[in-house]
Amino acid sequence: MAVAGAAACGSQPDGTGGPSGSPGSSVAPDAAAPADPGPGAPSAGPVCTGEATALLDKGAKQLTNLCARGYGDPISRAFCATPPTLTSLADVQKLVGLAFKPGPYTNGGTSGKNGNPGFILTAQSTSITTRKVSQINPRTIFFTPPLGRGRLSGPPQPNPSYVAMGFTRGDMAIELLAKDPTMNGGKGDIRFFLLKYEQACSSAPGGCTPGDLYTPAVESNFTGWSLYDDEDLKNTTLDCRQCHQPGGPGTPRMLRMQELQRPWQHWMYNDATGVAALRTDFHAAHPANESYGGIPAGVADFGDVQQLEAFVENNGFLVQPNEFPGKAILAELGATGTSATWQSAYKASEVAQFIPVPYFDSMATDPVKVQALVGQYSAVAAGRLPASQLGDMSDVFSDVAQRAMTHKPAAGLTGRQILVQVCQQCHNSHLDQMISRATMNVERLDTLSRAEKDEAIRRINLPKDDCSHMPPQRFRELDAAEIAAVQAELAK
């Protein structure tokens, strides 16, 4: 969640020098279409539209399945004690112990204090909502207050029990995790959950509009919901373990926070680099009286990223794979305009050794796109524009940033290299090899059967709203030339 992303392990480097427009490389034009990692379903399997949960059990039946497993974590206990009635994001926060107490609220006295949860907003994310998160649509993260604050400087002080939650407008989903003390023979471990919900627009002709998904409307009036754990999701594009258990079955699970240390340039925190510009855009769109993503009105600026760092570190996750070293990156960019440190991190993710890295700058957005959407959103909030006319709040990134954040592959890659960068983090040898998704193992591309390669070709050419389309639109997209290159590689 902050704590979120996707993972794998590697193949050969390509020598392209990073994504087009990254520090030390040049910009190349591109067209656009869809592409990336995903679930496994046979060629003759059912056709479905929408998300990867479309073919899973739902509602009361799914909750019965989950509760029968007898988990000992706080989230399972909360949902299974008495099946709850949930109609809003606020209901979920209250159920799992992450609700805010009544105000008044003060900066420095709200996050993790006076009975409130720890919380923070981030303007970039490598989570399952990566392509929806920006300074005008930030991701909210809530967590049990840690027993310390800031950089760990002594023995860890782990929380005996904890929960955390992530939410991004634009996605009718709430990510949850909790420590289960009964796992690992009583040593404890983390369970991951996804609560998918529906609203009236979910079944309306044409589906939900940006006005339904990116305004306060998305946070209430649930018409139904389904709770899945990481076992349910392991063979889907929403697999929690590909990021939070990157070593595969039997290896440690982890909390993730790639930009763990100061200067926190992607976090909307009062001591973060670039935060003034991020907050200016956010407040230009969102009025002061608007509650946002589970945070009470007027409180968005009171989050505390140092508490989140302490939550992650004290609970055993001081070491982050391919950590984003913001201080070194900023110093190198300031001195030479390029960053060898960032390039190294990017190259490691490009060959699928690690999950994608954050953008090297605090701003990953196109200012023209941002200002157009800020104007639309503020007009909707003031009642001057119908919500139905709000534009797509996720369409804010520059092409340079999309390649740097791996929303698109690096420019100039071969079909094989695209498969490694775009698909291998979800199709590799670390997966549970008993799931069907594991049969499309990019690490063993040369030994894949003709049938498996043909199935991959079929999926990259499916409509984007098909739940078997590869790569899933929520993560990445390929243009027509990139699809052709991948198809040519798979046709060998």
Protein backbone atom coordinates (compact mmCIF):
# COMPACT_ATOMS: atom_id res chain seq x y z
CA MET A 1 0.00 0.00 0.00
CA ALA A 2 2.45 2.72 0.99
CA VAL A 3 3.04 0.09 1.23
CA ALA A 4 2.23 -1.17 -2.42
CA GLY A 5 3.49 -1.92 -5.96
CA ALA A 6 4.46 -5.03 -7.97
CA ALA A 7 7.59 -7.21 -8.21
CA ALA A 8 9.67 -9.89 -9.94
CA CYS A 9 13.20 -10.88 -10.88
CA GLY A 10 15.27 -10.34 -13.88
CA SER A 11 16.58 -10.87 -17.35
CA GLN A 12 19.05 -9.22 -19.68
CA PRO A 13 19.68 -5.44 -19.84
CA ASP A 14 18.94 -3.61 -23.08
CA GLY A 15 21.33 -0.69 -23.26
CA THR A 16 18.69 1.93 -24.08
CA GLY A 17 19.78 4.30 -21.29
CA GLY A 18 16.39 4.54 -19.60
CA PRO A 19 12.92 5.74 -20.60
CA SER A 20 12.55 8.48 -23.16
CA GLY A 21 12.91 11.82 -21.42
CA SER A 22 14.55 10.49 -18.26
CA PRO A 23 17.70 12.17 -16.98
CA GLY A 24 20.43 11.47 -19.49
CA SER A 25 18.24 10.32 -22.39
CA SER A 26 16.26 11.88 -25.23
CA VAL A 27 12.53 12.08 -25.86
CA ALA A 28 10.96 9.96 -28.60
CA PRO A 29 7.34 10.24 -29.84
CA ASP A 30 4.86 7.42 -29.41
CA ALA A 31 1.29 6.42 -30.10
CA ALA A 32 -0.97 4.83 -27.51
CA ALA A 33 -2.85 1.58 -26.78
CA PRO A 34 -2.93 -0.83 -23.76
CA ALA A 35 -0.64 -3.44 -22.13
CA ASP A 36 0.88 -5.36 -19.06
CA PRO A 37 0.86 -8.17 -16.45
CA GLY A 38 -2.20 -10.21 -15.50
CA PRO A 39 -4.24 -13.26 -14.56
CA GLY A 40 -4.33 -16.69 -16.10
CA ALA A 41 -7.40 -18.07 -17.87
CA PRO A 42 -7.48 -20.71 -20.58
CA SER A 43 -8.16 -19.76 -24.20
CA ALA A 44 -11.57 -21.32 -24.03
CA GLY A 45 -12.41 -19.70 -20.70
CA PRO A 46 -15.35 -17.37 -20.09
CA VAL A 47 -15.31 -13.88 -21.55
CA CYS A 48 -15.69 -11.13 -18.98
CA THR A 49 -15.54 -7.37 -18.79
CA GLY A 50 -14.27 -5.14 -16.04
CA GLU A 51 -11.85 -6.03 -13.28
CA ALA A 52 -9.98 -9.24 -12.53
CA THR A 53 -12.48 -10.07 -9.76
CA ALA A 54 -15.28 -10.45 -12.34
CA LEU A 55 -14.99 -14.25 -12.28
CA LEU A 56 -14.57 -14.61 -8.50
CA ASP A 57 -17.32 -15.19 -5.95
CA LYS A 58 -18.96 -12.05 -4.60
CA GLY A 59 -20.83 -10.61 -1.64
CA ALA A 60 -22.09 -12.87 1.12
CA LYS A 61 -20.83 -16.04 -0.59
CA GLN A 62 -17.29 -14.67 -0.82
CA LEU A 63 -17.37 -13.48 2.80
CA THR A 64 -18.48 -16.95 3.91
CA ASN A 65 -15.56 -18.45 1.98
CA LEU A 66 -13.08 -16.06 3.59
CA CYS A 67 -14.42 -16.37 7.14
CA ALA A 68 -14.32 -20.17 6.94
CA ARG A 69 -10.52 -19.94 6.81
CA GLY A 70 -10.42 -18.92 10.48
CA TYR A 71 -7.85 -16.15 10.21
CA GLY A 72 -6.72 -14.39 13.38
CA ASP A 73 -6.01 -10.88 12.11
CA PRO A 74 -8.01 -7.77 13.13
CA ILE A 75 -9.59 -7.28 9.69
CA SER A 76 -10.88 -10.85 9.44
CA ARG A 77 -12.22 -10.65 12.98
CA ALA A 78 -13.97 -7.35 12.23
CA PHE A 79 -15.67 -8.64 9.10
CA CYS A 80 -16.45 -12.14 10.34
CA ALA A 81 -17.74 -11.50 13.86
CA THR A 82 -21.03 -10.20 12.44
CA PRO A 83 -21.29 -9.51 8.70
CA PRO A 84 -21.22 -5.70 8.60
CA THR A 85 -23.38 -3.24 6.72
CA LEU A 86 -21.03 -1.05 4.69
CA THR A 87 -22.27 1.82 2.56
CA SER A 88 -19.28 4.16 2.58
CA LEU A 89 -15.55 4.54 2.94
CA ALA A 90 -16.19 5.98 6.40
CA ASP A 91 -18.00 2.77 7.40
CA VAL A 92 -14.96 0.71 6.41
CA GLN A 93 -12.61 3.00 8.35
CA LYS A 94 -14.78 2.67 11.45
CA LEU A 95 -15.00 -1.12 11.12
CA VAL A 96 -11.22 -1.64 10.92
CA GLY A 97 -10.31 0.96 13.58
CA LEU A 98 -9.03 3.75 11.30
CA ALA A 99 -11.80 6.30 11.76
CA PHE A 100 -11.15 9.91 12.81
CA LYS A 101 -12.44 11.25 16.10
CA PRO A 102 -14.56 14.42 15.99
CA GLY A 103 -12.52 17.63 15.66
CA PRO A 104 -11.22 20.18 16.19
CA TYR A 105 -8.14 19.19 14.19
CA THR A 106 -4.73 20.81 14.28
CA ASN A 107 -1.55 20.39 12.28
CA GLY A 108 0.79 18.25 14.37
CA GLY A 109 -2.04 17.12 16.63
CA THR A 110 -4.16 15.03 14.27
CA SER A 111 -2.25 12.27 12.46
CA GLY A 112 -1.79 9.39 14.89
CA LYS A 113 -2.83 11.52 17.86
CA ASN A 114 -5.94 12.10 19.97
CA GLY A 115 -7.42 8.79 18.89
CA ASN A 116 -6.97 9.44 15.17
CA PRO A 117 -5.24 7.06 12.72
CA GLY A 118 -1.90 7.90 11.23
CA PHE A 119 -2.41 9.19 7.70
CA ILE A 120 -0.66 10.76 4.72
CA LEU A 121 -1.34 11.58 1.06
CA THR A 122 1.00 10.70 -1.76
CA ALA A 123 1.12 12.30 -5.21
CA GLN A 124 2.84 9.30 -6.86
CA SER A 125 2.34 5.60 -6.32
CA THR A 126 3.54 2.22 -7.52
CA SER A 127 0.40 0.55 -6.14
CA ILE A 128 -2.47 -1.06 -8.07
CA THR A 129 -3.78 2.47 -8.64
CA THR A 130 -0.49 3.80 -10.00
CA ARG A 131 -2.01 5.38 -13.13
CA LYS A 132 -4.68 7.25 -11.18
CA VAL A 133 -2.51 8.91 -8.51
CA SER A 134 -1.33 12.53 -8.87
CA GLN A 135 -1.29 15.73 -6.84
CA ILE A 136 -4.88 16.50 -7.92
CA ASN A 137 -6.03 12.94 -7.16
CA PRO A 138 -3.65 11.77 -4.40
CA ARG A 139 -3.72 8.40 -2.71
CA THR A 140 -4.70 8.34 0.96
CA ILE A 141 -2.98 5.95 3.36
CA PHE A 142 -4.15 5.23 6.91
CA PHE A 143 -2.34 3.13 9.51
CA THR A 144 -2.19 2.20 13.17
CA PRO A 145 -0.08 4.87 14.92
CA PRO A 146 3.48 3.56 15.39
CA LEU A 147 5.30 3.42 18.71
CA GLY A 148 7.87 5.92 17.48
CA ARG A 149 8.29 8.59 14.82
CA GLY A 150 10.86 9.20 12.10
CA ARG A 151 14.01 7.24 11.32
CA LEU A 152 14.57 4.16 13.48
CA SER A 153 17.51 4.97 15.78
CA GLY A 154 17.41 2.13 18.28
CA PRO A 155 15.81 -1.27 18.75
CA PRO A 156 12.55 -1.61 16.76
CA GLN A 157 9.30 -1.02 18.60
CA PRO A 158 6.82 -3.15 16.65
CA ASN A 159 3.09 -2.72 17.09
CA PRO A 160 1.64 -5.84 18.77
CA SER A 161 -1.17 -5.60 16.24
CA TYR A 162 -1.76 -3.22 13.33
CA VAL A 163 -3.92 -2.44 10.34
CA ALA A 164 -3.39 -0.19 7.33
CA MET A 165 -5.55 0.97 4.46
CA GLY A 166 -5.03 2.60 1.05
CA PHE A 167 -7.62 4.35 -1.11
CA THR A 168 -7.50 6.17 -4.44
CA ARG A 169 -10.45 7.85 -6.10
CA GLY A 170 -11.14 6.48 -9.55
CA ASP A 171 -11.08 2.88 -8.31
CA MET A 172 -13.97 1.28 -6.42
CA ALA A 173 -11.56 -0.64 -4.24
CA ILE A 174 -10.08 -0.32 -0.76
CA GLU A 175 -6.75 -1.99 0.04
CA LEU A 176 -6.35 -3.36 3.56
CA LEU A 177 -3.66 -5.20 5.47
CA ALA A 178 -3.29 -6.46 9.00
CA LYS A 179 -0.84 -8.36 11.17
CA ASP A 180 -2.09 -11.85 11.97
CA PRO A 181 -0.36 -13.13 15.14
CA THR A 182 -1.45 -16.70 14.38
CA MET A 183 0.60 -17.01 11.17
CA ASN A 184 4.05 -18.66 10.99
CA GLY A 185 3.50 -20.82 14.04
CA GLY A 186 2.59 -17.88 16.23
CA LYS A 187 5.40 -15.58 15.05
CA GLY A 188 2.92 -13.48 13.10
CA ASP A 189 2.82 -12.17 9.54
CA ILE A 190 0.83 -9.85 7.28
CA ARG A 191 -2.42 -10.63 5.52
CA PHE A 192 -3.51 -8.51 2.57
CA PHE A 193 -7.09 -7.79 1.54
CA LEU A 194 -9.00 -5.97 -1.18
CA LEU A 195 -12.54 -4.74 -0.66
CA LYS A 196 -14.25 -4.23 -4.03
CA TYR A 197 -17.51 -2.32 -3.96
CA GLU A 198 -20.27 -1.30 -6.35
CA GLN A 199 -22.44 1.76 -6.71
CA ALA A 200 -25.53 2.49 -8.79
CA CYS A 201 -23.42 3.53 -11.78
CA SER A 202 -21.71 0.12 -11.81
CA SER A 203 -24.77 -1.37 -13.53
CA ALA A 204 -25.86 1.76 -15.39
CA PRO A 205 -25.71 1.90 -19.21
CA GLY A 206 -22.23 3.12 -20.09
CA GLY A 207 -20.94 2.45 -16.59
CA CYS A 208 -19.42 4.99 -14.22
CA THR A 209 -18.19 8.38 -15.43
CA PRO A 210 -15.24 10.41 -14.09
CA GLY A 211 -17.85 12.44 -12.21
CA ASP A 212 -18.89 9.26 -10.39
CA LEU A 213 -15.35 8.04 -9.77
CA TYR A 214 -13.22 11.10 -8.96
CA THR A 215 -15.50 13.19 -6.74
CA PRO A 216 -16.80 12.61 -3.19
CA ALA A 217 -19.57 10.54 -4.81
CA VAL A 218 -17.19 7.56 -5.06
CA GLU A 219 -16.81 7.41 -1.28
CA SER A 220 -20.42 6.62 -0.33
CA ASN A 221 -23.69 4.97 -1.41
CA PHE A 222 -22.20 1.50 -1.83
CA THR A 223 -24.77 -0.92 -3.27
CA GLY A 224 -22.70 -4.02 -2.62
CA TRP A 225 -19.20 -5.17 -1.69
CA SER A 226 -16.91 -8.20 -1.68
CA LEU A 227 -13.85 -8.84 0.49
CA TYR A 228 -10.94 -10.83 -0.96
CA ASP A 229 -7.67 -11.87 0.64
CA ASP A 230 -4.31 -12.44 -1.02
CA GLU A 231 -5.10 -16.13 -1.51
CA ASP A 232 -8.23 -15.27 -3.51
CA LEU A 233 -6.30 -12.77 -5.64
CA LYS A 234 -3.11 -14.72 -6.29
CA ASN A 235 -4.07 -15.71 -9.84
CA THR A 236 -5.35 -12.29 -10.89
CA THR A 237 -3.90 -8.95 -11.95
CA LEU A 238 -4.69 -7.70 -8.43
CA ASP A 239 -2.30 -10.16 -6.81
CA CYS A 240 -1.00 -8.57 -3.59
CA ARG A 241 1.91 -10.99 -3.23
CA GLN A 242 3.75 -10.02 -6.41
CA CYS A 243 4.73 -6.83 -4.57
CA HIS A 244 4.44 -7.71 -0.90
CA GLN A 245 5.99 -11.19 -1.14
CA PRO A 246 8.39 -10.73 -4.07
CA GLY A 247 10.43 -13.82 -3.22
CA GLY A 248 7.44 -16.08 -3.74
CA PRO A 249 5.68 -18.66 -1.54
CA GLY A 250 7.37 -19.39 1.75
CA THR A 251 9.41 -16.18 1.77
CA PRO A 252 8.80 -13.18 4.05
CA ARG A 253 5.92 -10.80 3.35
CA MET A 254 6.59 -7.10 3.71
CA LEU A 255 5.28 -3.58 4.02
CA ARG A 256 6.57 -1.40 1.17
CA MET A 257 7.50 2.26 1.11
CA GLN A 258 9.95 2.96 -1.69
CA GLU A 259 10.68 6.58 -0.78
CA LEU A 260 11.24 5.75 2.85
CA GLN A 261 13.47 8.66 3.88
CA ARG A 262 13.71 12.43 3.65
CA PRO A 263 13.22 14.47 1.43
CA TRP A 264 9.96 12.59 0.64
CA GLN A 265 9.41 14.50 -2.59
CA HIS A 266 6.37 12.41 -3.59
CA TRP A 267 4.59 12.75 -0.25
CA MET A 268 2.27 15.68 0.55
CA TYR A 269 3.90 16.46 3.87
CA ASN A 270 4.92 19.83 5.30
CA ASP A 271 8.64 18.92 5.39
CA ALA A 272 8.78 17.37 1.90
CA THR A 273 10.63 18.70 -1.14
CA GLY A 274 8.24 20.09 -3.75
CA VAL A 275 5.22 19.93 -1.43
CA ALA A 276 4.23 23.58 -2.00
CA ALA A 277 3.68 23.01 -5.72
CA LEU A 278 1.85 19.74 -5.09
CA ARG A 279 -0.45 21.33 -2.54
CA THR A 280 -1.11 24.36 -4.72
CA ASP A 281 -2.56 22.14 -7.43
CA PHE A 282 -4.51 20.03 -4.93
CA HIS A 283 -6.12 23.00 -3.21
CA ALA A 284 -6.84 24.73 -6.52
CA ALA A 285 -9.10 21.80 -7.38
CA HIS A 286 -10.50 20.70 -4.03
CA PRO A 287 -12.44 23.21 -1.89
CA ALA A 288 -11.64 23.56 1.80
CA ASN A 289 -15.03 22.12 2.81
CA GLU A 290 -14.51 18.86 0.90
CA SER A 291 -13.62 15.70 2.80
CA TYR A 292 -11.12 13.78 0.70
CA GLY A 293 -10.45 10.04 0.52
CA GLY A 294 -11.51 9.38 4.10
CA ILE A 295 -9.81 12.49 5.52
CA PRO A 296 -12.08 15.11 7.12
CA ALA A 297 -12.49 18.48 5.41
CA GLY A 298 -9.59 20.85 6.01
CA VAL A 299 -7.27 18.13 7.31
CA ALA A 300 -5.46 16.95 4.16
CA ASP A 301 -2.36 19.02 4.97
CA PHE A 302 -2.02 17.51 8.46
CA GLY A 303 -0.69 14.09 7.41
CA ASP A 304 2.65 12.86 8.75
CA VAL A 305 5.00 10.85 6.54
CA GLN A 306 7.49 10.49 9.41
CA GLN A 307 4.89 8.43 11.23
CA LEU A 308 4.50 6.20 8.18
CA GLU A 309 8.28 5.75 7.98
CA ALA A 310 8.29 4.76 11.65
CA PHE A 311 5.34 2.40 11.11
CA VAL A 312 7.19 0.60 8.31
CA GLU A 313 10.62 0.53 9.99
CA ASN A 314 9.55 -0.39 13.52
CA ASN A 315 7.44 -3.25 12.22
CA GLY A 316 10.47 -4.85 10.62
CA PHE A 317 10.87 -3.32 7.16
CA LEU A 318 13.76 -0.89 7.44
CA VAL A 319 15.36 -2.45 4.34
CA GLN A 320 13.35 -1.75 1.17
CA PRO A 321 14.20 -3.45 -2.15
CA ASN A 322 15.47 -0.87 -4.65
CA GLU A 323 14.71 1.99 -2.26
CA PHE A 324 14.27 5.41 -3.88
CA PRO A 325 17.18 7.49 -2.46
CA GLY A 326 15.65 10.92 -3.01
CA LYS A 327 18.45 12.92 -1.38
CA ALA A 328 21.13 11.52 -3.70
CA ILE A 329 18.90 11.80 -6.77
CA LEU A 330 18.05 15.45 -6.09
CA ALA A 331 21.70 16.32 -5.48
CA GLU A 332 22.79 14.73 -8.76
CA LEU A 333 20.00 16.37 -10.74
CA GLY A 334 20.87 19.74 -9.23
CA ALA A 335 24.55 19.36 -10.05
CA THR A 336 24.42 17.90 -13.57
CA GLY A 337 20.80 17.65 -14.70
CA THR A 338 21.06 13.86 -14.70
CA SER A 339 21.03 11.21 -11.98
CA ALA A 340 23.10 8.06 -12.26
CA THR A 341 21.47 6.85 -9.04
CA TRP A 342 17.98 7.09 -10.51
CA GLN A 343 19.11 5.57 -13.82
CA SER A 344 20.55 2.59 -11.95
CA ALA A 345 17.30 2.05 -10.05
CA TYR A 346 15.30 2.39 -13.25
CA LYS A 347 17.50 -0.06 -15.15
CA ALA A 348 17.08 -2.63 -12.39
CA SER A 349 13.31 -2.35 -12.71
CA GLU A 350 13.50 -2.36 -16.52
CA VAL A 351 15.05 -5.82 -16.47
CA ALA A 352 12.46 -6.93 -13.89
CA GLN A 353 14.77 -7.22 -10.90
CA PHE A 354 12.52 -4.88 -8.89
CA ILE A 355 9.17 -3.14 -9.10
CA PRO A 356 8.98 0.16 -11.04
CA VAL A 357 10.60 3.18 -9.41
CA PRO A 358 8.96 6.54 -8.74
CA TYR A 359 9.57 9.45 -11.09
CA PHE A 360 12.81 11.32 -10.43
CA ASP A 361 10.95 14.62 -9.86
CA SER A 362 8.13 15.49 -7.45
CA MET A 363 5.93 16.46 -10.43
CA ALA A 364 5.14 13.74 -12.95
CA THR A 365 2.31 15.63 -14.58
CA ASP A 366 1.74 17.77 -17.66
CA PRO A 367 0.91 21.30 -16.39
CA VAL A 368 -1.50 21.99 -19.26
CA LYS A 369 -3.48 18.83 -18.52
CA VAL A 370 -3.43 19.55 -14.79
CA GLN A 371 -4.74 23.10 -15.13
CA ALA A 372 -7.56 22.02 -17.46
CA LEU A 373 -8.71 19.36 -14.97
CA VAL A 374 -8.27 21.67 -11.98
CA GLY A 375 -10.60 24.13 -13.68
CA GLN A 376 -13.16 21.41 -14.42
CA TYR A 377 -13.03 19.90 -10.94
CA SER A 378 -13.33 23.22 -9.14
CA ALA A 379 -16.30 24.11 -11.39
CA VAL A 380 -18.00 20.81 -10.53
CA ALA A 381 -17.32 21.32 -6.81
CA ALA A 382 -18.83 24.84 -7.01
CA GLY A 383 -21.88 23.63 -8.95
CA ARG A 384 -20.97 25.55 -12.11
CA LEU A 385 -20.41 22.38 -14.16
CA PRO A 386 -22.35 19.09 -14.09
CA ALA A 387 -20.30 16.22 -12.66
CA SER A 388 -21.04 14.29 -15.85
CA GLN A 389 -18.78 16.73 -17.72
CA LEU A 390 -15.71 16.18 -15.56
CA GLY A 391 -12.75 14.88 -17.57
CA ASP A 392 -10.62 11.85 -16.79
CA MET A 393 -8.64 12.88 -13.70
CA SER A 394 -6.05 10.17 -14.43
CA ASP A 395 -5.09 11.71 -17.78
CA VAL A 396 -2.53 14.08 -16.31
CA PHE A 397 0.91 12.55 -16.88
CA SER A 398 3.52 13.68 -19.35
CA ASP A 399 4.77 11.06 -21.78
CA VAL A 400 8.26 11.42 -20.29
CA ALA A 401 6.92 10.57 -16.84
CA GLN A 402 4.79 7.70 -18.08
CA ARG A 403 7.87 5.99 -19.48
CA ALA A 404 9.93 6.79 -16.39
CA MET A 405 7.21 5.34 -14.14
CA THR A 406 6.75 2.32 -16.45
CA HIS A 407 3.16 3.20 -17.30
CA LYS A 408 4.66 2.68 -20.75
CA PRO A 409 7.82 0.73 -21.61
CA ALA A 410 11.11 2.43 -22.35
CA ALA A 411 11.33 3.71 -25.92
CA GLY A 412 13.12 1.60 -28.49
CA LEU A 413 12.89 -1.81 -26.81
CA THR A 414 12.63 -5.04 -28.75
CA GLY A 415 9.58 -7.25 -28.30
CA ARG A 416 11.51 -9.50 -25.91
CA GLN A 417 12.69 -6.54 -23.86
CA ILE A 418 9.14 -5.19 -23.63
CA LEU A 419 7.96 -8.56 -22.33
CA VAL A 420 10.64 -8.44 -19.64
CA GLN A 421 9.91 -4.88 -18.52
CA VAL A 422 6.13 -5.00 -18.82
CA CYS A 423 5.15 -8.60 -18.08
CA GLN A 424 7.86 -10.40 -16.13
CA GLN A 425 7.08 -8.83 -12.76
CA CYS A 426 3.81 -10.80 -12.80
CA HIS A 427 4.91 -13.81 -14.87
CA ASN A 428 8.08 -15.29 -13.36
CA SER A 429 9.65 -18.21 -11.54
CA HIS A 430 8.93 -16.80 -8.06
CA LEU A 431 5.18 -17.22 -8.41
CA ASP A 432 3.24 -20.10 -6.95
CA GLN A 433 3.94 -22.40 -9.90
CA MET A 434 0.60 -24.18 -9.41
CA ILE A 435 -1.43 -21.18 -10.64
CA SER A 436 -2.24 -20.82 -14.32
CA ARG A 437 -0.58 -17.40 -14.55
CA ALA A 438 2.77 -19.08 -13.91
CA THR A 439 2.60 -20.96 -17.21
CA MET A 440 3.33 -17.68 -19.03
CA ASN A 441 6.82 -17.43 -17.50
CA VAL A 442 8.76 -14.69 -19.27
CA GLU A 443 11.99 -15.96 -17.71
CA ARG A 444 11.49 -19.12 -19.77
CA LEU A 445 10.28 -17.45 -22.92
CA ASP A 446 12.25 -19.67 -25.29
CA THR A 447 10.74 -22.86 -23.86
CA LEU A 448 7.09 -21.75 -23.73
CA SER A 449 4.71 -23.91 -25.69
CA ARG A 450 3.14 -22.73 -28.92
CA ALA A 451 -0.25 -22.80 -27.21
CA GLU A 452 0.93 -20.54 -24.37
CA LYS A 453 2.48 -18.04 -26.75
CA ASP A 454 -0.67 -17.99 -28.86
CA GLU A 455 -2.73 -17.36 -25.73
CA ALA A 456 -0.50 -14.40 -24.88
CA ILE A 457 -0.93 -13.05 -28.42
CA ARG A 458 -4.69 -13.40 -28.03
CA ARG A 459 -4.69 -11.47 -24.78
CA ILE A 460 -2.63 -8.50 -25.92
CA ASN A 461 -5.17 -8.05 -28.72
CA LEU A 462 -8.29 -8.26 -26.54
CA PRO A 463 -10.40 -5.12 -25.93
CA LYS A 464 -9.06 -3.05 -23.06
CA ASP A 465 -12.19 -3.62 -20.96
CA ASP A 466 -11.84 -7.41 -21.11
CA CYS A 467 -10.63 -8.68 -17.75
CA SER A 468 -8.14 -10.95 -19.55
CA HIS A 469 -6.58 -8.15 -21.61
CA MET A 470 -2.82 -7.98 -21.24
CA PRO A 471 -1.28 -5.95 -19.91
CA PRO A 472 -4.01 -4.73 -17.56
CA GLN A 473 -4.92 -1.15 -18.34
CA ARG A 474 -4.68 -0.19 -14.67
CA PHE A 475 -0.90 -0.76 -14.78
CA ARG A 476 0.48 -0.05 -18.25
CA GLU A 477 -0.26 0.39 -21.91
CA LEU A 478 1.46 -0.44 -25.18
CA ASP A 479 1.13 1.45 -28.44
CA ALA A 480 0.39 -0.31 -31.73
CA ALA A 481 4.08 -0.66 -32.65
CA GLU A 482 4.92 -2.13 -29.23
CA ILE A 483 2.07 -4.63 -29.50
CA ALA A 484 3.33 -5.62 -32.93
CA ALA A 485 6.87 -6.10 -31.59
CA VAL A 486 5.64 -8.28 -28.72
CA GLN A 487 3.43 -10.29 -31.07
CA ALA A 488 6.36 -10.86 -33.44
CA GLU A 489 8.50 -12.12 -30.55
CA LEU A 490 5.75 -14.45 -29.36
CA ALA A 491 5.18 -15.73 -32.89
CA LYS A 492 8.72 -17.19 -33.02
